[in-house]
């Protein structure tokens, strides 16, 4: 079984099935170490997380306030 590892944006990744590889850049033991060390690793951009969380909180609060206003106007 051959597995191809590609470099994409500075990260080493396993290539998708069917990806055409013409050369090997890792030994099997290096590949196994790469597979086990990268399990579950995820990099989240902190600024993007803060922005998205802020927008979601703003949308929730403003929607809640708008709903209360419309509910109050509907009673009158």
Protein backbone atom coordinates (compact mmCIF):
# COMPACT_ATOMS: atom_id res chain seq x y z
CA UNK A 1 0.00 0.00 0.00
CA UNK A 2 1.49 3.32 -1.05
CA UNK A 3 0.52 6.53 0.65
CA UNK A 4 1.36 9.95 -0.66
CA UNK A 5 2.10 12.89 1.61
CA UNK A 6 1.86 16.36 0.13
CA UNK A 7 2.85 19.76 1.43
CA UNK A 8 0.01 22.29 1.33
CA UNK A 9 0.32 25.79 2.81
CA UNK A 10 3.26 24.71 4.94
CA UNK A 11 1.52 21.61 6.35
CA UNK A 12 2.20 17.99 5.52
CA UNK A 13 -1.02 16.18 4.63
CA UNK A 14 -2.03 12.76 3.41
CA UNK A 15 -3.12 12.97 -0.20
CA UNK A 16 -6.65 11.85 -1.07
CA UNK A 17 -7.20 8.37 -2.48
CA UNK A 18 -6.40 8.21 -6.17
CA UNK A 19 -3.93 11.10 -6.01
CA UNK A 20 -1.11 10.52 -8.49
CA UNK A 21 2.24 10.37 -6.67
CA UNK A 22 5.41 9.92 -8.63
CA UNK A 23 7.87 9.83 -5.73
CA UNK A 24 8.11 8.96 -2.04
CA UNK A 25 9.24 11.55 0.49
CA UNK A 26 8.84 9.59 3.75
CA UNK A 27 9.84 6.20 4.99
CA UNK A 28 7.05 3.97 6.34
CA UNK A 29 8.13 4.59 9.95
CA UNK A 30 8.11 8.36 9.35
CA UNK A 31 4.67 8.11 7.77
CA UNK A 32 3.34 6.10 10.71
CA UNK A 33 4.74 8.66 13.14
CA UNK A 34 3.13 11.45 11.11
CA UNK A 35 -0.24 9.70 11.09
CA UNK A 36 -0.29 9.08 14.84
CA UNK A 37 1.10 12.46 15.86
CA UNK A 38 -1.40 14.40 13.75
CA UNK A 39 -4.51 12.59 15.02
CA UNK A 40 -6.97 15.20 16.24
CA UNK A 41 -4.69 18.15 15.71
CA UNK A 42 -6.62 21.24 14.70
CA UNK A 43 -5.40 24.80 14.37
CA UNK A 44 -7.98 27.55 14.88
CA UNK A 45 -7.20 31.14 14.03
CA UNK A 46 -7.85 33.09 17.24
CA UNK A 47 -8.92 36.32 15.53
CA UNK A 48 -11.38 34.48 13.27
CA UNK A 49 -12.83 32.67 16.31
CA UNK A 50 -13.30 35.96 18.18
CA UNK A 51 -14.94 37.60 15.15
CA UNK A 52 -17.36 34.75 14.46
CA UNK A 53 -18.27 34.38 18.14
CA UNK A 54 -18.89 38.12 18.41
CA UNK A 55 -21.11 38.18 15.32
CA UNK A 56 -23.11 35.21 16.58
CA UNK A 57 -23.59 36.80 20.00
CA UNK A 58 -24.62 40.09 18.40
CA UNK A 59 -27.13 38.31 16.12
CA UNK A 60 -28.61 36.40 19.07
CA UNK A 61 -29.01 39.46 21.30
CA UNK A 62 -30.33 41.73 18.55
CA UNK A 63 -32.79 39.03 17.39
CA UNK A 64 -33.99 38.54 20.94
CA UNK A 65 -34.51 42.29 21.42
CA UNK A 66 -36.29 42.62 18.07
CA UNK A 67 -38.56 39.71 18.99
CA UNK A 68 -39.48 41.34 22.29
CA UNK A 69 -40.25 44.64 20.52
CA UNK A 70 -42.45 42.93 17.93
CA UNK A 71 -44.22 40.93 20.64
CA UNK A 72 -44.94 44.15 22.57
CA UNK A 73 -46.20 45.94 19.45
CA UNK A 74 -48.44 43.00 18.60
CA UNK A 75 -50.31 43.28 21.89
CA UNK A 76 -51.37 46.89 21.29
